[in-house]
Amino acid sequence: MGSFAEAARERVRQARARLQAALEEQDAYEAELAQDELEDALRLARKHGVDPGEPESTGAPASPPPTGPPGKSGASGASGP
């Protein structure tokens, strides 16, 4: 099972990297695809008893990064989900 476990971990690593890149580029569509891939890779790893490595919290950030210039927070002053 060693090669399967390593392949499963690599799939999770690649999905996390793809998600991080999409978030940095602020590409919502690519981020959604990458999030789905990550969830599927994690599900498969868990189903077969493979520790995926890093904790899941390294995926999407809790809130989107600010998009305006520093010091400006939009009309309402609150950030949306």
PDB file of N, CA and C in Angstrom:
ATOM      1  N   MET A   1       0.827  -1.202   0.000  1.00  0.00           N
ATOM      2  CA  MET A   1       0.000   0.000   0.000  1.00  0.00           C
ATOM      3  C   MET A   1       0.864   1.256   0.000  1.00  0.00           C
ATOM      4  N   GLY A   2       2.161   1.133   0.134  1.00  0.00           N
ATOM      5  CA  GLY A   2       3.051   2.279   0.188  1.00  0.00           C
ATOM      6  C   GLY A   2       2.941   3.199  -1.009  1.00  0.00           C
ATOM      7  N   SER A   3       2.913   2.640  -2.211  1.00  0.00           N
ATOM      8  CA  SER A   3       2.845   3.494  -3.399  1.00  0.00           C
ATOM      9  C   SER A   3       1.478   4.159  -3.532  1.00  0.00           C
ATOM     10  N   PHE A   4       0.411   3.473  -3.130  1.00  0.00           N
ATOM     11  CA  PHE A   4      -0.917   4.085  -3.165  1.00  0.00           C
ATOM     12  C   PHE A   4      -0.979   5.253  -2.189  1.00  0.00           C
ATOM     13  N   ALA A   5      -0.449   5.041  -0.984  1.00  0.00           N
ATOM     14  CA  ALA A   5      -0.475   6.092   0.037  1.00  0.00           C
ATOM     15  C   ALA A   5       0.300   7.321  -0.442  1.00  0.00           C
ATOM     16  N   GLU A   6       1.463   7.097  -1.028  1.00  0.00           N
ATOM     17  CA  GLU A   6       2.251   8.228  -1.518  1.00  0.00           C
ATOM     18  C   GLU A   6       1.531   8.944  -2.665  1.00  0.00           C
ATOM     19  N   ALA A   7       0.892   8.189  -3.547  1.00  0.00           N
ATOM     20  CA  ALA A   7       0.139   8.804  -4.649  1.00  0.00           C
ATOM     21  C   ALA A   7      -1.033   9.622  -4.109  1.00  0.00           C
ATOM     22  N   ALA A   8      -1.693   9.111  -3.081  1.00  0.00           N
ATOM     23  CA  ALA A   8      -2.811   9.835  -2.478  1.00  0.00           C
ATOM     24  C   ALA A   8      -2.318  11.132  -1.833  1.00  0.00           C
ATOM     25  N   ARG A   9      -1.192  11.061  -1.104  1.00  0.00           N
ATOM     26  CA  ARG A   9      -0.624  12.266  -0.489  1.00  0.00           C
ATOM     27  C   ARG A   9      -0.203  13.288  -1.551  1.00  0.00           C
ATOM     28  N   GLU A  10       0.374  12.806  -2.640  1.00  0.00           N
ATOM     29  CA  GLU A  10       0.798  13.712  -3.712  1.00  0.00           C
ATOM     30  C   GLU A  10      -0.407  14.396  -4.354  1.00  0.00           C
ATOM     31  N   ARG A  11      -1.495  13.664  -4.525  1.00  0.00           N
ATOM     32  CA  ARG A  11      -2.713  14.254  -5.090  1.00  0.00           C
ATOM     33  C   ARG A  11      -3.226  15.365  -4.174  1.00  0.00           C
ATOM     34  N   VAL A  12      -3.195  15.126  -2.860  1.00  0.00           N
ATOM     35  CA  VAL A  12      -3.621  16.144  -1.903  1.00  0.00           C
ATOM     36  C   VAL A  12      -2.691  17.354  -1.974  1.00  0.00           C
ATOM     37  N   ARG A  13      -1.385  17.125  -2.016  1.00  0.00           N
ATOM     38  CA  ARG A  13      -0.419  18.239  -2.102  1.00  0.00           C
ATOM     39  C   ARG A  13      -0.664  19.082  -3.353  1.00  0.00           C
ATOM     40  N   GLN A  14      -0.871  18.414  -4.481  1.00  0.00           N
ATOM     41  CA  GLN A  14      -1.100  19.142  -5.733  1.00  0.00           C
ATOM     42  C   GLN A  14      -2.403  19.933  -5.687  1.00  0.00           C
ATOM     43  N   ALA A  15      -3.433  19.338  -5.112  1.00  0.00           N
ATOM     44  CA  ALA A  15      -4.719  20.035  -5.015  1.00  0.00           C
ATOM     45  C   ALA A  15      -4.599  21.267  -4.117  1.00  0.00           C
ATOM     46  N   ARG A  16      -3.862  21.131  -3.011  1.00  0.00           N
ATOM     47  CA  ARG A  16      -3.657  22.286  -2.125  1.00  0.00           C
ATOM     48  C   ARG A  16      -2.884  23.390  -2.836  1.00  0.00           C
ATOM     49  N   ALA A  17      -1.869  23.013  -3.587  1.00  0.00           N
ATOM     50  CA  ALA A  17      -1.070  24.005  -4.320  1.00  0.00           C
ATOM     51  C   ALA A  17      -1.918  24.698  -5.383  1.00  0.00           C
ATOM     52  N   ARG A  18      -2.753  23.931  -6.066  1.00  0.00           N
ATOM     53  CA  ARG A  18      -3.626  24.500  -7.097  1.00  0.00           C
ATOM     54  C   ARG A  18      -4.621  25.476  -6.470  1.00  0.00           C
ATOM     55  N   LEU A  19      -5.167  25.096  -5.310  1.00  0.00           N
ATOM     56  CA  LEU A  19      -6.107  25.975  -4.627  1.00  0.00           C
ATOM     57  C   LEU A  19      -5.417  27.259  -4.180  1.00  0.00           C
ATOM     58  N   GLN A  20      -4.241  27.131  -3.597  1.00  0.00           N
ATOM     59  CA  GLN A  20      -3.509  28.311  -3.137  1.00  0.00           C
ATOM     60  C   GLN A  20      -3.200  29.252  -4.303  1.00  0.00           C
ATOM     61  N   ALA A  21      -2.778  28.697  -5.428  1.00  0.00           N
ATOM     62  CA  ALA A  21      -2.465  29.519  -6.599  1.00  0.00           C
ATOM     63  C   ALA A  21      -3.714  30.246  -7.102  1.00  0.00           C
ATOM     64  N   ALA A  22      -4.839  29.548  -7.141  1.00  0.00           N
ATOM     65  CA  ALA A  22      -6.083  30.166  -7.603  1.00  0.00           C
ATOM     66  C   ALA A  22      -6.517  31.289  -6.668  1.00  0.00           C
ATOM     67  N   LEU A  23      -6.354  31.076  -5.372  1.00  0.00           N
ATOM     68  CA  LEU A  23      -6.714  32.120  -4.411  1.00  0.00           C
ATOM     69  C   LEU A  23      -5.811  33.336  -4.557  1.00  0.00           C
ATOM     70  N   GLU A  24      -4.528  33.102  -4.747  1.00  0.00           N
ATOM     71  CA  GLU A  24      -3.598  34.212  -4.925  1.00  0.00           C
ATOM     72  C   GLU A  24      -3.910  35.005  -6.188  1.00  0.00           C
ATOM     73  N   GLU A  25      -4.358  34.316  -7.228  1.00  0.00           N
ATOM     74  CA  GLU A  25      -4.713  34.979  -8.483  1.00  0.00           C
ATOM     75  C   GLU A  25      -6.135  35.536  -8.450  1.00  0.00           C
ATOM     76  N   GLN A  26      -6.844  35.275  -7.359  1.00  0.00           N
ATOM     77  CA  GLN A  26      -8.242  35.686  -7.194  1.00  0.00           C
ATOM     78  C   GLN A  26      -9.109  35.178  -8.338  1.00  0.00           C
ATOM     79  N   ASP A  27      -8.863  33.926  -8.729  1.00  0.00           N
ATOM     80  CA  ASP A  27      -9.618  33.267  -9.787  1.00  0.00           C
ATOM     81  C   ASP A  27     -10.679  32.382  -9.126  1.00  0.00           C
ATOM     82  N   ALA A  28     -11.889  32.900  -9.004  1.00  0.00           N
ATOM     83  CA  ALA A  28     -12.952  32.212  -8.284  1.00  0.00           C
ATOM     84  C   ALA A  28     -13.311  30.871  -8.923  1.00  0.00           C
ATOM     85  N   TYR A  29     -13.357  30.822 -10.235  1.00  0.00           N
ATOM     86  CA  TYR A  29     -13.715  29.577 -10.917  1.00  0.00           C
ATOM     87  C   TYR A  29     -12.660  28.499 -10.669  1.00  0.00           C
ATOM     88  N   GLU A  30     -11.397  28.839 -10.862  1.00  0.00           N
ATOM     89  CA  GLU A  30     -10.311  27.883 -10.639  1.00  0.00           C
ATOM     90  C   GLU A  30     -10.248  27.467  -9.178  1.00  0.00           C
ATOM     91  N   ALA A  31     -10.510  28.404  -8.267  1.00  0.00           N
ATOM     92  CA  ALA A  31     -10.509  28.088  -6.836  1.00  0.00           C
ATOM     93  C   ALA A  31     -11.608  27.078  -6.514  1.00  0.00           C
ATOM     94  N   GLU A  32     -12.760  27.232  -7.115  1.00  0.00           N
ATOM     95  CA  GLU A  32     -13.865  26.292  -6.885  1.00  0.00           C
ATOM     96  C   GLU A  32     -13.502  24.895  -7.398  1.00  0.00           C
ATOM     97  N   LEU A  33     -12.915  24.830  -8.589  1.00  0.00           N
ATOM     98  CA  LEU A  33     -12.487  23.531  -9.125  1.00  0.00           C
ATOM     99  C   LEU A  33     -11.419  22.903  -8.236  1.00  0.00           C
ATOM    100  N   ALA A  34     -10.467  23.704  -7.796  1.00  0.00           N
ATOM    101  CA  ALA A  34      -9.385  23.202  -6.955  1.00  0.00           C
ATOM    102  C   ALA A  34      -9.912  22.750  -5.594  1.00  0.00           C
ATOM    103  N   GLN A  35     -10.874  23.474  -5.045  1.00  0.00           N
ATOM    104  CA  GLN A  35     -11.468  23.085  -3.761  1.00  0.00           C
ATOM    105  C   GLN A  35     -12.178  21.743  -3.894  1.00  0.00           C
ATOM    106  N   ASP A  36     -12.901  21.553  -4.981  1.00  0.00           N
ATOM    107  CA  ASP A  36     -13.569  20.267  -5.219  1.00  0.00           C
ATOM    108  C   ASP A  36     -12.559  19.134  -5.342  1.00  0.00           C
ATOM    109  N   GLU A  37     -11.472  19.383  -6.051  1.00  0.00           N
ATOM    110  CA  GLU A  37     -10.422  18.371  -6.206  1.00  0.00           C
ATOM    111  C   GLU A  37      -9.784  18.042  -4.859  1.00  0.00           C
ATOM    112  N   LEU A  38      -9.531  19.066  -4.050  1.00  0.00           N
ATOM    113  CA  LEU A  38      -8.941  18.849  -2.736  1.00  0.00           C
ATOM    114  C   LEU A  38      -9.880  18.022  -1.858  1.00  0.00           C
ATOM    115  N   GLU A  39     -11.151  18.370  -1.839  1.00  0.00           N
ATOM    116  CA  GLU A  39     -12.109  17.616  -1.034  1.00  0.00           C
ATOM    117  C   GLU A  39     -12.176  16.163  -1.480  1.00  0.00           C
ATOM    118  N   ASP A  40     -12.156  15.926  -2.787  1.00  0.00           N
ATOM    119  CA  ASP A  40     -12.195  14.560  -3.303  1.00  0.00           C
ATOM    120  C   ASP A  40     -10.925  13.798  -2.934  1.00  0.00           C
ATOM    121  N   ALA A  41      -9.772  14.448  -3.054  1.00  0.00           N
ATOM    122  CA  ALA A  41      -8.505  13.804  -2.715  1.00  0.00           C
ATOM    123  C   ALA A  41      -8.449  13.468  -1.226  1.00  0.00           C
ATOM    124  N   LEU A  42      -8.914  14.373  -0.381  1.00  0.00           N
ATOM    125  CA  LEU A  42      -8.935  14.119   1.054  1.00  0.00           C
ATOM    126  C   LEU A  42      -9.904  12.988   1.395  1.00  0.00           C
ATOM    127  N   ARG A  43     -11.067  12.974   0.762  1.00  0.00           N
ATOM    128  CA  ARG A  43     -12.051  11.918   0.997  1.00  0.00           C
ATOM    129  C   ARG A  43     -11.470  10.559   0.638  1.00  0.00           C
ATOM    130  N   LEU A  44     -10.826  10.482  -0.508  1.00  0.00           N
ATOM    131  CA  LEU A  44     -10.240   9.222  -0.957  1.00  0.00           C
ATOM    132  C   LEU A  44      -9.128   8.769  -0.010  1.00  0.00           C
ATOM    133  N   ALA A  45      -8.289   9.691   0.406  1.00  0.00           N
ATOM    134  CA  ALA A  45      -7.209   9.340   1.334  1.00  0.00           C
ATOM    135  C   ALA A  45      -7.782   8.797   2.640  1.00  0.00           C
ATOM    136  N   ARG A  46      -8.767   9.497   3.198  1.00  0.00           N
ATOM    137  CA  ARG A  46      -9.379   9.042   4.453  1.00  0.00           C
ATOM    138  C   ARG A  46     -10.047   7.680   4.300  1.00  0.00           C
ATOM    139  N   LYS A  47     -10.726   7.494   3.187  1.00  0.00           N
ATOM    140  CA  LYS A  47     -11.435   6.232   2.943  1.00  0.00           C
ATOM    141  C   LYS A  47     -10.477   5.041   2.993  1.00  0.00           C
ATOM    142  N   HIS A  48      -9.243   5.260   2.564  1.00  0.00           N
ATOM    143  CA  HIS A  48      -8.263   4.182   2.514  1.00  0.00           C
ATOM    144  C   HIS A  48      -7.253   4.251   3.659  1.00  0.00           C
ATOM    145  N   GLY A  49      -7.554   5.062   4.680  1.00  0.00           N
ATOM    146  CA  GLY A  49      -6.700   5.129   5.855  1.00  0.00           C
ATOM    147  C   GLY A  49      -5.363   5.800   5.648  1.00  0.00           C
ATOM    148  N   VAL A  50      -5.279   6.690   4.673  1.00  0.00           N
ATOM    149  CA  VAL A  50      -4.030   7.391   4.383  1.00  0.00           C
ATOM    150  C   VAL A  50      -4.054   8.755   5.065  1.00  0.00           C
ATOM    151  N   ASP A  51      -3.005   9.060   5.829  1.00  0.00           N
ATOM    152  CA  ASP A  51      -2.854  10.371   6.437  1.00  0.00           C
ATOM    153  C   ASP A  51      -2.418  11.338   5.343  1.00  0.00           C
ATOM    154  N   PRO A  52      -3.244  12.355   5.029  1.00  0.00           N
ATOM    155  CA  PRO A  52      -2.898  13.255   3.920  1.00  0.00           C
ATOM    156  C   PRO A  52      -1.756  14.207   4.217  1.00  0.00           C
ATOM    157  N   GLY A  53      -1.249  14.208   5.425  1.00  0.00           N
ATOM    158  CA  GLY A  53      -0.125  15.083   5.738  1.00  0.00           C
ATOM    159  C   GLY A  53      -0.568  16.324   6.461  1.00  0.00           C
ATOM    160  N   GLU A  54      -0.510  17.453   5.798  1.00  0.00           N
ATOM    161  CA  GLU A  54      -0.835  18.736   6.402  1.00  0.00           C
ATOM    162  C   GLU A  54      -2.302  18.791   6.826  1.00  0.00           C
ATOM    163  N   PRO A  55      -2.629  19.602   7.827  1.00  0.00           N
ATOM    164  CA  PRO A  55      -4.030  19.753   8.232  1.00  0.00           C
ATOM    165  C   PRO A  55      -4.845  20.425   7.138  1.00  0.00           C
ATOM    166  N   GLU A  56      -6.141  20.154   7.148  1.00  0.00           N
ATOM    167  CA  GLU A  56      -7.039  20.711   6.130  1.00  0.00           C
ATOM    168  C   GLU A  56      -7.130  22.225   6.190  1.00  0.00           C
ATOM    169  N   SER A  57      -6.802  22.818   7.324  1.00  0.00           N
ATOM    170  CA  SER A  57      -6.935  24.263   7.457  1.00  0.00           C
ATOM    171  C   SER A  57      -5.973  25.028   6.559  1.00  0.00           C
ATOM    172  N   THR A  58      -5.062  24.335   5.855  1.00  0.00           N
ATOM    173  CA  THR A  58      -4.158  25.025   4.943  1.00  0.00           C
ATOM    174  C   THR A  58      -4.809  25.278   3.587  1.00  0.00           C
ATOM    175  N   GLY A  59      -6.068  24.894   3.439  1.00  0.00           N
ATOM    176  CA  GLY A  59      -6.788  25.115   2.190  1.00  0.00           C
ATOM    177  C   GLY A  59      -7.199  26.570   2.060  1.00  0.00           C
ATOM    178  N   ALA A  60      -8.454  26.815   1.847  1.00  0.00           N
ATOM    179  CA  ALA A  60      -8.961  28.164   1.639  1.00  0.00           C
ATOM    180  C   ALA A  60      -8.885  28.979   2.920  1.00  0.00           C
ATOM    181  N   PRO A  61      -8.566  30.256   2.799  1.00  0.00           N
ATOM    182  CA  PRO A  61      -8.544  31.109   3.985  1.00  0.00           C
ATOM    183  C   PRO A  61      -9.956  31.317   4.511  1.00  0.00           C
ATOM    184  N   ALA A  62     -10.075  31.700   5.785  1.00  0.00           N
ATOM    185  CA  ALA A  62     -11.379  31.903   6.412  1.00  0.00           C
ATOM    186  C   ALA A  62     -12.157  33.028   5.735  1.00  0.00           C
ATOM    187  N   SER A  63     -11.471  34.046   5.268  1.00  0.00           N
ATOM    188  CA  SER A  63     -12.133  35.134   4.558  1.00  0.00           C
ATOM    189  C   SER A  63     -11.279  35.515   3.365  1.00  0.00           C
ATOM    190  N   PRO A  64     -11.908  36.038   2.306  1.00  0.00           N
ATOM    191  CA  PRO A  64     -11.142  36.411   1.121  1.00  0.00           C
ATOM    192  C   PRO A  64     -10.197  37.564   1.421  1.00  0.00           C
ATOM    193  N   PRO A  65      -9.082  37.630   0.691  1.00  0.00           N
ATOM    194  CA  PRO A  65      -8.145  38.731   0.913  1.00  0.00           C
ATOM    195  C   PRO A  65      -8.762  40.048   0.482  1.00  0.00           C
ATOM    196  N   PRO A  66      -8.335  41.168   1.086  1.00  0.00           N
ATOM    197  CA  PRO A  66      -8.870  42.473   0.687  1.00  0.00           C
ATOM    198  C   PRO A  66      -8.500  42.773  -0.761  1.00  0.00           C
ATOM    199  N   THR A  67      -9.418  43.439  -1.467  1.00  0.00           N
ATOM    200  CA  THR A  67      -9.176  43.718  -2.878  1.00  0.00           C
ATOM    201  C   THR A  67      -8.922  45.192  -3.152  1.00  0.00           C
ATOM    202  N   GLY A  68      -9.249  46.052  -2.219  1.00  0.00           N
ATOM    203  CA  GLY A  68      -9.062  47.484  -2.436  1.00  0.00           C
ATOM    204  C   GLY A  68      -7.701  47.957  -1.978  1.00  0.00           C
ATOM    205  N   PRO A  69      -7.427  49.233  -2.164  1.00  0.00           N
ATOM    206  CA  PRO A  69      -6.154  49.795  -1.701  1.00  0.00           C
ATOM    207  C   PRO A  69      -6.089  49.761  -0.178  1.00  0.00           C
ATOM    208  N   PRO A  70      -4.892  49.744   0.385  1.00  0.00           N
ATOM    209  CA  PRO A  70      -4.753  49.718   1.840  1.00  0.00           C
ATOM    210  C   PRO A  70      -5.471  50.905   2.483  1.00  0.00           C
ATOM    211  N   GLY A  71      -6.141  50.643   3.604  1.00  0.00           N
ATOM    212  CA  GLY A  71      -6.828  51.709   4.307  1.00  0.00           C
ATOM    213  C   GLY A  71      -8.254  51.939   3.828  1.00  0.00           C
ATOM    214  N   LYS A  72      -8.637  51.344   2.718  1.00  0.00           N
ATOM    215  CA  LYS A  72      -9.994  51.492   2.192  1.00  0.00           C
ATOM    216  C   LYS A  72     -10.719  50.181   2.406  1.00  0.00           C
ATOM    217  N   SER A  73     -11.917  50.222   2.985  1.00  0.00           N
ATOM    218  CA  SER A  73     -12.627  48.973   3.264  1.00  0.00           C
ATOM    219  C   SER A  73     -14.001  48.903   2.609  1.00  0.00           C
ATOM    220  N   GLY A  74     -14.282  49.696   1.641  1.00  0.00           N
ATOM    221  CA  GLY A  74     -15.572  49.627   0.960  1.00  0.00           C
ATOM    222  C   GLY A  74     -16.599  50.511   1.617  1.00  0.00           C
ATOM    223  N   ALA A  75     -17.799  50.571   1.020  1.00  0.00           N
ATOM    224  CA  ALA A  75     -18.846  51.466   1.468  1.00  0.00           C
ATOM    225  C   ALA A  75     -19.378  51.110   2.846  1.00  0.00           C
ATOM    226  N   SER A  76     -19.585  49.827   3.109  1.00  0.00           N
ATOM    227  CA  SER A  76     -20.201  49.449   4.368  1.00  0.00           C
ATOM    228  C   SER A  76     -19.180  49.264   5.477  1.00  0.00           C
ATOM    229  N   GLY A  77     -17.910  49.095   5.134  1.00  0.00           N
ATOM    230  CA  GLY A  77     -16.883  48.897   6.145  1.00  0.00           C
ATOM    231  C   GLY A  77     -16.791  47.462   6.622  1.00  0.00           C
ATOM    232  N   ALA A  78     -17.662  46.592   6.139  1.00  0.00           N
ATOM    233  CA  ALA A  78     -17.626  45.191   6.534  1.00  0.00           C
ATOM    234  C   ALA A  78     -17.202  44.350   5.347  1.00  0.00           C
ATOM    235  N   SER A  79     -16.504  43.278   5.636  1.00  0.00           N
ATOM    236  CA  SER A  79     -16.112  42.387   4.549  1.00  0.00           C
ATOM    237  C   SER A  79     -17.153  41.294   4.408  1.00  0.00           C
ATOM    238  N   GLY A  80     -17.440  40.905   3.190  1.00  0.00           N
ATOM    239  CA  GLY A  80     -18.431  39.878   2.922  1.00  0.00           C
ATOM    240  C   GLY A  80     -17.812  38.510   2.880  1.00  0.00           C
ATOM    241  N   PRO A  81     -18.603  37.452   3.057  1.00  0.00           N
ATOM    242  CA  PRO A  81     -18.064  36.087   3.003  1.00  0.00           C
ATOM    243  C   PRO A  81     -17.672  35.656   1.629  1.00  0.00           C
TER     244      PRO A  81
END
